Amino acid sequence: FSAKCGLRAPDRTAVLLGCLRVEGLGPLVD
């Protein structure tokens, strides 16, 4: 059973989003 649940630690999420190299995500990563 798959689910999304609770906010992940911000530093780990910043790593994930940074690896996507999407320019529009820059402010979010910051």
PDB file of all heavy atoms in Angstrom:
ATOM      1  N   PHE A   1       0.853  -1.193   0.000  1.00  0.00           N
ATOM      2  CA  PHE A   1       0.000   0.000   0.000  1.00  0.00           C
ATOM      3  C   PHE A   1       0.885   1.238   0.000  1.00  0.00           C
ATOM      4  O   PHE A   1       1.668   1.455   0.927  1.00  0.00           O
ATOM      5  CB  PHE A   1      -0.906  -0.016   1.235  1.00  0.00           C
ATOM      6  CG  PHE A   1      -1.967   1.046   1.248  1.00  0.00           C
ATOM      7  CD1 PHE A   1      -3.185   0.823   0.611  1.00  0.00           C
ATOM      8  CD2 PHE A   1      -1.754   2.261   1.880  1.00  0.00           C
ATOM      9  CE1 PHE A   1      -4.178   1.798   0.629  1.00  0.00           C
ATOM     10  CE2 PHE A   1      -2.738   3.233   1.904  1.00  0.00           C
ATOM     11  CZ  PHE A   1      -3.955   3.005   1.267  1.00  0.00           C
ATOM     12  N   SER A   2       0.765   2.055  -1.051  1.00  0.00           N
ATOM     13  CA  SER A   2       1.610   3.239  -1.210  1.00  0.00           C
ATOM     14  C   SER A   2       0.886   4.490  -0.759  1.00  0.00           C
ATOM     15  O   SER A   2      -0.313   4.658  -1.012  1.00  0.00           O
ATOM     16  CB  SER A   2       2.029   3.397  -2.678  1.00  0.00           C
ATOM     17  OG  SER A   2       2.771   2.276  -3.120  1.00  0.00           O
ATOM     18  N   ALA A   3       1.641   5.395  -0.115  1.00  0.00           N
ATOM     19  CA  ALA A   3       1.052   6.636   0.386  1.00  0.00           C
ATOM     20  C   ALA A   3       2.111   7.722   0.457  1.00  0.00           C
ATOM     21  O   ALA A   3       3.305   7.447   0.575  1.00  0.00           O
ATOM     22  CB  ALA A   3       0.442   6.413   1.770  1.00  0.00           C
ATOM     23  N   LYS A   4       1.650   8.960   0.390  1.00  0.00           N
ATOM     24  CA  LYS A   4       2.437  10.123   0.756  1.00  0.00           C
ATOM     25  C   LYS A   4       2.002  10.523   2.163  1.00  0.00           C
ATOM     26  O   LYS A   4       0.805  10.579   2.449  1.00  0.00           O
ATOM     27  CB  LYS A   4       2.204  11.286  -0.201  1.00  0.00           C
ATOM     28  CG  LYS A   4       2.534  10.983  -1.666  1.00  0.00           C
ATOM     29  CD  LYS A   4       4.028  10.926  -1.906  1.00  0.00           C
ATOM     30  CE  LYS A   4       4.350  10.757  -3.381  1.00  0.00           C
ATOM     31  NZ  LYS A   4       5.819  10.675  -3.612  1.00  0.00           N
ATOM     32  N   CYS A   5       2.966  10.838   3.027  1.00  0.00           N
ATOM     33  CA  CYS A   5       2.604  11.036   4.430  1.00  0.00           C
ATOM     34  C   CYS A   5       3.600  11.950   5.126  1.00  0.00           C
ATOM     35  O   CYS A   5       4.758  11.568   5.328  1.00  0.00           O
ATOM     36  CB  CYS A   5       2.553   9.685   5.132  1.00  0.00           C
ATOM     37  SG  CYS A   5       2.295   9.778   6.903  1.00  0.00           S
ATOM     38  N   GLY A   6       3.184  13.142   5.503  1.00  0.00           N
ATOM     39  CA  GLY A   6       4.009  14.026   6.304  1.00  0.00           C
ATOM     40  C   GLY A   6       5.149  14.664   5.529  1.00  0.00           C
ATOM     41  O   GLY A   6       5.687  14.094   4.579  1.00  0.00           O
ATOM     42  N   LEU A   7       5.553  15.851   5.945  1.00  0.00           N
ATOM     43  CA  LEU A   7       6.602  16.583   5.267  1.00  0.00           C
ATOM     44  C   LEU A   7       7.985  16.024   5.616  1.00  0.00           C
ATOM     45  O   LEU A   7       8.304  15.820   6.788  1.00  0.00           O
ATOM     46  CB  LEU A   7       6.525  18.066   5.648  1.00  0.00           C
ATOM     47  CG  LEU A   7       5.289  18.800   5.113  1.00  0.00           C
ATOM     48  CD1 LEU A   7       5.087  20.108   5.860  1.00  0.00           C
ATOM     49  CD2 LEU A   7       5.421  19.062   3.624  1.00  0.00           C
ATOM     50  N   ARG A   8       8.767  15.782   4.586  1.00  0.00           N
ATOM     51  CA  ARG A   8      10.132  15.266   4.731  1.00  0.00           C
ATOM     52  C   ARG A   8      11.055  16.381   5.239  1.00  0.00           C
ATOM     53  O   ARG A   8      10.783  17.565   5.057  1.00  0.00           O
ATOM     54  CB  ARG A   8      10.607  14.759   3.378  1.00  0.00           C
ATOM     55  CG  ARG A   8      11.929  14.023   3.380  1.00  0.00           C
ATOM     56  CD  ARG A   8      12.461  13.767   1.979  1.00  0.00           C
ATOM     57  NE  ARG A   8      11.524  13.061   1.117  1.00  0.00           N
ATOM     58  CZ  ARG A   8      10.857  13.634   0.126  1.00  0.00           C
ATOM     59  NH1 ARG A   8      11.021  14.927  -0.141  1.00  0.00           N
ATOM     60  NH2 ARG A   8      10.035  12.932  -0.622  1.00  0.00           N
ATOM     61  N   ALA A   9      12.158  16.005   5.868  1.00  0.00           N
ATOM     62  CA  ALA A   9      13.156  16.976   6.313  1.00  0.00           C
ATOM     63  C   ALA A   9      13.556  17.864   5.131  1.00  0.00           C
ATOM     64  O   ALA A   9      13.826  17.359   4.034  1.00  0.00           O
ATOM     65  CB  ALA A   9      14.374  16.256   6.884  1.00  0.00           C
ATOM     66  N   PRO A  10      13.599  19.188   5.312  1.00  0.00           N
ATOM     67  CA  PRO A  10      13.787  20.092   4.176  1.00  0.00           C
ATOM     68  C   PRO A  10      15.116  19.914   3.447  1.00  0.00           C
ATOM     69  O   PRO A  10      15.175  20.088   2.229  1.00  0.00           O
ATOM     70  CB  PRO A  10      13.666  21.485   4.808  1.00  0.00           C
ATOM     71  CG  PRO A  10      13.946  21.286   6.256  1.00  0.00           C
ATOM     72  CD  PRO A  10      13.424  19.923   6.574  1.00  0.00           C
ATOM     73  N   ASP A  11      16.176  19.584   4.154  1.00  0.00           N
ATOM     74  CA  ASP A  11      17.461  19.423   3.479  1.00  0.00           C
ATOM     75  C   ASP A  11      17.439  18.268   2.483  1.00  0.00           C
ATOM     76  O   ASP A  11      18.003  18.361   1.389  1.00  0.00           O
ATOM     77  CB  ASP A  11      18.579  19.208   4.509  1.00  0.00           C
ATOM     78  CG  ASP A  11      18.849  20.457   5.340  1.00  0.00           C
ATOM     79  OD1 ASP A  11      18.590  21.567   4.831  1.00  0.00           O
ATOM     80  OD2 ASP A  11      19.296  20.311   6.483  1.00  0.00           O
ATOM     81  N   ARG A  12      16.777  17.176   2.869  1.00  0.00           N
ATOM     82  CA  ARG A  12      16.686  16.034   1.945  1.00  0.00           C
ATOM     83  C   ARG A  12      15.839  16.384   0.729  1.00  0.00           C
ATOM     84  O   ARG A  12      16.161  15.998  -0.401  1.00  0.00           O
ATOM     85  CB  ARG A  12      16.092  14.810   2.659  1.00  0.00           C
ATOM     86  CG  ARG A  12      17.132  14.035   3.478  1.00  0.00           C
ATOM     87  CD  ARG A  12      16.583  12.776   4.090  1.00  0.00           C
ATOM     88  NE  ARG A  12      15.846  11.924   3.166  1.00  0.00           N
ATOM     89  CZ  ARG A  12      16.388  11.126   2.256  1.00  0.00           C
ATOM     90  NH1 ARG A  12      17.709  11.117   2.084  1.00  0.00           N
ATOM     91  NH2 ARG A  12      15.620  10.352   1.502  1.00  0.00           N
ATOM     92  N   THR A  13      14.759  17.112   0.943  1.00  0.00           N
ATOM     93  CA  THR A  13      13.923  17.496  -0.187  1.00  0.00           C
ATOM     94  C   THR A  13      14.666  18.469  -1.097  1.00  0.00           C
ATOM     95  O   THR A  13      14.518  18.413  -2.331  1.00  0.00           O
ATOM     96  CB  THR A  13      12.612  18.123   0.312  1.00  0.00           C
ATOM     97  OG1 THR A  13      11.906  17.144   1.083  1.00  0.00           O
ATOM     98  CG2 THR A  13      11.738  18.559  -0.848  1.00  0.00           C
ATOM     99  N   ALA A  14      15.466  19.363  -0.516  1.00  0.00           N
ATOM    100  CA  ALA A  14      16.263  20.280  -1.336  1.00  0.00           C
ATOM    101  C   ALA A  14      17.214  19.511  -2.245  1.00  0.00           C
ATOM    102  O   ALA A  14      17.424  19.889  -3.410  1.00  0.00           O
ATOM    103  CB  ALA A  14      17.036  21.248  -0.433  1.00  0.00           C
ATOM    104  N   VAL A  15      17.780  18.421  -1.744  1.00  0.00           N
ATOM    105  CA  VAL A  15      18.665  17.589  -2.568  1.00  0.00           C
ATOM    106  C   VAL A  15      17.883  16.981  -3.734  1.00  0.00           C
ATOM    107  O   VAL A  15      18.327  17.021  -4.897  1.00  0.00           O
ATOM    108  CB  VAL A  15      19.314  16.485  -1.710  1.00  0.00           C
ATOM    109  CG1 VAL A  15      20.028  15.464  -2.602  1.00  0.00           C
ATOM    110  CG2 VAL A  15      20.294  17.092  -0.716  1.00  0.00           C
ATOM    111  N   LEU A  16      16.723  16.423  -3.439  1.00  0.00           N
ATOM    112  CA  LEU A  16      15.906  15.816  -4.488  1.00  0.00           C
ATOM    113  C   LEU A  16      15.542  16.833  -5.561  1.00  0.00           C
ATOM    114  O   LEU A  16      15.739  16.591  -6.761  1.00  0.00           O
ATOM    115  CB  LEU A  16      14.637  15.221  -3.873  1.00  0.00           C
ATOM    116  CG  LEU A  16      13.533  14.799  -4.855  1.00  0.00           C
ATOM    117  CD1 LEU A  16      14.019  13.719  -5.800  1.00  0.00           C
ATOM    118  CD2 LEU A  16      12.285  14.330  -4.099  1.00  0.00           C
ATOM    119  N   LEU A  17      15.012  17.976  -5.158  1.00  0.00           N
ATOM    120  CA  LEU A  17      14.572  18.967  -6.132  1.00  0.00           C
ATOM    121  C   LEU A  17      15.748  19.566  -6.893  1.00  0.00           C
ATOM    122  O   LEU A  17      15.637  19.866  -8.088  1.00  0.00           O
ATOM    123  CB  LEU A  17      13.779  20.068  -5.439  1.00  0.00           C
ATOM    124  CG  LEU A  17      12.489  19.630  -4.711  1.00  0.00           C
ATOM    125  CD1 LEU A  17      11.740  20.843  -4.185  1.00  0.00           C
ATOM    126  CD2 LEU A  17      11.594  18.804  -5.622  1.00  0.00           C
ATOM    127  N   GLY A  18      16.880  19.718  -6.215  1.00  0.00           N
ATOM    128  CA  GLY A  18      18.057  20.240  -6.900  1.00  0.00           C
ATOM    129  C   GLY A  18      18.544  19.318  -7.994  1.00  0.00           C
ATOM    130  O   GLY A  18      19.007  19.778  -9.052  1.00  0.00           O
ATOM    131  N   CYS A  19      18.426  18.024  -7.782  1.00  0.00           N
ATOM    132  CA  CYS A  19      18.865  17.052  -8.788  1.00  0.00           C
ATOM    133  C   CYS A  19      17.998  17.089 -10.043  1.00  0.00           C
ATOM    134  O   CYS A  19      18.428  16.636 -11.113  1.00  0.00           O
ATOM    135  CB  CYS A  19      18.864  15.643  -8.201  1.00  0.00           C
ATOM    136  SG  CYS A  19      20.166  15.344  -6.984  1.00  0.00           S
ATOM    137  N   LEU A  20      16.787  17.610  -9.940  1.00  0.00           N
ATOM    138  CA  LEU A  20      15.921  17.692 -11.114  1.00  0.00           C
ATOM    139  C   LEU A  20      16.375  18.773 -12.095  1.00  0.00           C
ATOM    140  O   LEU A  20      16.020  18.729 -13.276  1.00  0.00           O
ATOM    141  CB  LEU A  20      14.474  17.969 -10.686  1.00  0.00           C
ATOM    142  CG  LEU A  20      13.780  16.865  -9.881  1.00  0.00           C
ATOM    143  CD1 LEU A  20      12.373  17.297  -9.498  1.00  0.00           C
ATOM    144  CD2 LEU A  20      13.739  15.557 -10.654  1.00  0.00           C
ATOM    145  N   ARG A  21      17.135  19.745 -11.586  1.00  0.00           N
ATOM    146  CA  ARG A  21      17.677  20.826 -12.430  1.00  0.00           C
ATOM    147  C   ARG A  21      16.580  21.546 -13.223  1.00  0.00           C
ATOM    148  O   ARG A  21      16.702  21.786 -14.423  1.00  0.00           O
ATOM    149  CB  ARG A  21      18.759  20.281 -13.372  1.00  0.00           C
ATOM    150  CG  ARG A  21      19.933  19.655 -12.651  1.00  0.00           C
ATOM    151  CD  ARG A  21      21.058  19.258 -13.588  1.00  0.00           C
ATOM    152  NE  ARG A  21      22.143  18.624 -12.872  1.00  0.00           N
ATOM    153  CZ  ARG A  21      23.113  19.264 -12.213  1.00  0.00           C
ATOM    154  NH1 ARG A  21      23.106  20.585 -12.183  1.00  0.00           N
ATOM    155  NH2 ARG A  21      24.066  18.604 -11.583  1.00  0.00           N
ATOM    156  N   VAL A  22      15.500  21.850 -12.516  1.00  0.00           N
ATOM    157  CA  VAL A  22      14.408  22.622 -13.095  1.00  0.00           C
ATOM    158  C   VAL A  22      14.565  24.067 -12.617  1.00  0.00           C
ATOM    159  O   VAL A  22      14.521  24.339 -11.409  1.00  0.00           O
ATOM    160  CB  VAL A  22      13.044  22.053 -12.673  1.00  0.00           C
ATOM    161  CG1 VAL A  22      11.917  22.975 -13.116  1.00  0.00           C
ATOM    162  CG2 VAL A  22      12.854  20.652 -13.258  1.00  0.00           C
ATOM    163  N   GLU A  23      14.738  24.975 -13.564  1.00  0.00           N
ATOM    164  CA  GLU A  23      14.997  26.365 -13.194  1.00  0.00           C
ATOM    165  C   GLU A  23      13.895  26.941 -12.315  1.00  0.00           C
ATOM    166  O   GLU A  23      14.160  27.676 -11.356  1.00  0.00           O
ATOM    167  CB  GLU A  23      15.148  27.210 -14.459  1.00  0.00           C
ATOM    168  CG  GLU A  23      15.503  28.668 -14.177  1.00  0.00           C
ATOM    169  CD  GLU A  23      15.720  29.463 -15.452  1.00  0.00           C
ATOM    170  OE1 GLU A  23      15.705  28.853 -16.544  1.00  0.00           O
ATOM    171  OE2 GLU A  23      15.895  30.694 -15.347  1.00  0.00           O
ATOM    172  N   GLY A  24      12.651  26.586 -12.611  1.00  0.00           N
ATOM    173  CA  GLY A  24      11.545  27.137 -11.848  1.00  0.00           C
ATOM    174  C   GLY A  24      11.509  26.696 -10.398  1.00  0.00           C
ATOM    175  O   GLY A  24      10.816  27.301  -9.577  1.00  0.00           O
ATOM    176  N   LEU A  25      12.247  25.632 -10.057  1.00  0.00           N
ATOM    177  CA  LEU A  25      12.298  25.160  -8.675  1.00  0.00           C
ATOM    178  C   LEU A  25      13.352  25.888  -7.844  1.00  0.00           C
ATOM    179  O   LEU A  25      13.440  25.664  -6.631  1.00  0.00           O
ATOM    180  CB  LEU A  25      12.595  23.654  -8.635  1.00  0.00           C
ATOM    181  CG  LEU A  25      11.483  22.709  -9.086  1.00  0.00           C
ATOM    182  CD1 LEU A  25      11.982  21.274  -9.085  1.00  0.00           C
ATOM    183  CD2 LEU A  25      10.253  22.847  -8.193  1.00  0.00           C
ATOM    184  N   GLY A  26      14.142  26.755  -8.486  1.00  0.00           N
ATOM    185  CA  GLY A  26      15.228  27.427  -7.773  1.00  0.00           C
ATOM    186  C   GLY A  26      14.796  28.130  -6.503  1.00  0.00           C
ATOM    187  O   GLY A  26      15.386  27.912  -5.431  1.00  0.00           O
ATOM    188  N   PRO A  27      13.749  28.987  -6.540  1.00  0.00           N
ATOM    189  CA  PRO A  27      13.319  29.653  -5.303  1.00  0.00           C
ATOM    190  C   PRO A  27      12.871  28.672  -4.227  1.00  0.00           C
ATOM    191  O   PRO A  27      13.087  28.910  -3.036  1.00  0.00           O
ATOM    192  CB  PRO A  27      12.152  30.533  -5.775  1.00  0.00           C
ATOM    193  CG  PRO A  27      12.391  30.746  -7.232  1.00  0.00           C
ATOM    194  CD  PRO A  27      13.009  29.476  -7.718  1.00  0.00           C
ATOM    195  N   LEU A  28      12.250  27.562  -4.643  1.00  0.00           N
ATOM    196  CA  LEU A  28      11.791  26.565  -3.683  1.00  0.00           C
ATOM    197  C   LEU A  28      12.982  25.882  -3.013  1.00  0.00           C
ATOM    198  O   LEU A  28      12.994  25.673  -1.790  1.00  0.00           O
ATOM    199  CB  LEU A  28      10.906  25.536  -4.389  1.00  0.00           C
ATOM    200  CG  LEU A  28      10.194  24.503  -3.518  1.00  0.00           C
ATOM    201  CD1 LEU A  28       9.297  25.185  -2.490  1.00  0.00           C
ATOM    202  CD2 LEU A  28       9.376  23.546  -4.385  1.00  0.00           C
ATOM    203  N   VAL A  29      13.989  25.536  -3.789  1.00  0.00           N
ATOM    204  CA  VAL A  29      15.196  24.919  -3.233  1.00  0.00           C
ATOM    205  C   VAL A  29      15.877  25.881  -2.265  1.00  0.00           C
ATOM    206  O   VAL A  29      16.375  25.483  -1.198  1.00  0.00           O
ATOM    207  CB  VAL A  29      16.151  24.497  -4.359  1.00  0.00           C
ATOM    208  CG1 VAL A  29      17.488  24.005  -3.781  1.00  0.00           C
ATOM    209  CG2 VAL A  29      15.523  23.393  -5.211  1.00  0.00           C
ATOM    210  N   ASP A  30      15.896  27.166  -2.604  1.00  0.00           N
ATOM    211  CA  ASP A  30      16.517  28.156  -1.723  1.00  0.00           C
ATOM    212  C   ASP A  30      15.797  28.214  -0.376  1.00  0.00           C
ATOM    213  O   ASP A  30      16.443  28.315   0.686  1.00  0.00           O
ATOM    214  CB  ASP A  30      16.486  29.536  -2.386  1.00  0.00           C
ATOM    215  CG  ASP A  30      17.439  29.648  -3.568  1.00  0.00           C
ATOM    216  OD1 ASP A  30      18.350  28.789  -3.675  1.00  0.00           O
ATOM    217  OD2 ASP A  30      17.255  30.570  -4.382  1.00  0.00           O
TER     218      ASP A  30
END
